Amino acid sequence: MDTTLLLRNSFLAVLLCVLCGELASAQTDADAIMIPKNYFCGGTMYSNSSWNSYWEGTFKRTNGNIGTLNSNMVTLMGNYGISNRLNLLLSLPYVTNNTTAGTLHSQQGIQDATVSLKWVPVSMRTGYGTFRLFAIAMGSIPIGNYQADFLPVAIGLHSRSLMFRALADYQSGHLFFSGSGEYMRRDNITIDRTAYYTTEMHYTNQVAIPDGTNFNVRGGYRSSKWIAEAVLDNTTTLGGFDMRKNDMPFPSNKMNMTMVGVNLKYSFSSINGLELTAGSDYVVAGRNVGQSTILHGGAYYLFNLKKNKNQKHNKI
């Protein structure tokens, strides 16, 4: 798993982090929420992902040497309004992965720091609602000294990544619909062995991690107090190879998945600035990934860094 939310990185935990926790319903790279200039939204998200069956290539199976793989992630998140149309987002996750059977040791630690810029170049009234176009650029870099070549319990790929997303959003009254597409560019990684086999022998400690794409659609109800949305998300690896029969996964495996989910967000009026989020997601189809069930929730607080009596508190 670039969110968050796969077999090689507890199958889904890595994607949840790499995609900046996009399964949460606070301000992320995959939603159409912006905060105003000089405001900061900070908080913590918790997610749990678990699976006991996975796709070995296109063959779905279970594995008694793994049992159920559990991944827990706590992510510190922040969003600063550089202007009303430009936000700076930050995230830093701590991941713990373990299995309920077999001899694989649990892995835990700080994963990858992600920085994102989210820009609204187009915002206009059209028909009965408002249309907005977003451009998002993200970069992630490994922070923890974790081992990527220890799958499926490795907590990440340890690969530096760049991601570019375009997002379109239309809202009429309190009803909205959003669609986005993203390209993910990943660097090579270094592993602790001098030779390995994929579909051919490689005499090197360098592994080329395949790039990928992500497509996300969501729709539902959005107001200043409530957000309730349904989400369909697809991630496809551009390259890689299938897991071999009864073999451990490898960082450059092909990993595709389609996921459905729901998100809720509530903004308190009695405690101005406090927001709570919750949601659930389920992998309905995949290739070399676990069929994960994900539960997530978070608490965030929005406050003004420069007091201005004329500035509204609501997000846009």
Foldseek 3Di string as FASTA:
>chain_A
DVPVFQFLQLYILAVNVHQPNVVWPDDGPADDWFFAAQKKKWWKKKKKKKFQWDAQFQRIDGDQQFGMKMKIKIKIKMWHHNHLFKIKIKIKMWMWIGGPHHDQDIDIGIFKIKIKIKGWPDWDDDDQWIKTKIKMKMKIATDDPWASFRTDRTNYNRWIKIKIKIKMKIDHDFKIKMKMKMKMDTAWDFHDDQWDDFPHIDRGRIDGAFIKMKIKMKIDGHDLFKDKMKMKMKMWTPDADGHDPPDGDGRNHTKIWIKIKMKMKGADPVPHFKMKMWMWMFTPRMGNGGGMIMIMMMIMGMDRNDDDPPDDRTID
